[in-house]
Amino acid sequence: MRRLLPAFDGLEVVFVSVHSAYAEQVSGNRFYAVRDVTRWDRIGLAILVAQLTLILLRERPRVVVTTGSAPGMISLALAKCLLRSKTMWIDSIANCEQVSLSGMRAKRFCDVWLTQWPHLQRTDGPECWGAVL
């Protein structure tokens, strides 16, 4: 996400990550660390939803952008349903053979749904606007 930071120049940007150490890399911006979960961790998912809901209600973003993962997919869904935020999913560049499961599930909550691999682009999405790297 830091690689996209120049695209947000002049805007107020808030970061959310499952790695608290990333706060140092985005100093000057508000930062929240949330629990990292998988779909098999039901209690962890409930805690994550509560954390993300509080962050979204506090920050009230107009736009939410994520580069993937289950927490990113959940944040898009919550932002779209609770706040009607504009949402953008950018599937991780690591998903070079197929769109991730989280990406597939995020599709219904996205205003913009992107892959970083041209061969994964389809007419019904995801689109490929290029790679972040």
Foldseek 3Di string as FASTA:
>chain_A
DVLCVVVQPPHQDEEEECDPVCCVVPPVHHYYHAHADDPVPVVSVVRLLVVLLVVCVVVVDQEQEDQDDQSSLSNLQCSCVPRVHAYEYEHHQVPAPEGDPSLVSSVVSHPAREYQYCVHADPVDDHHPHHSD
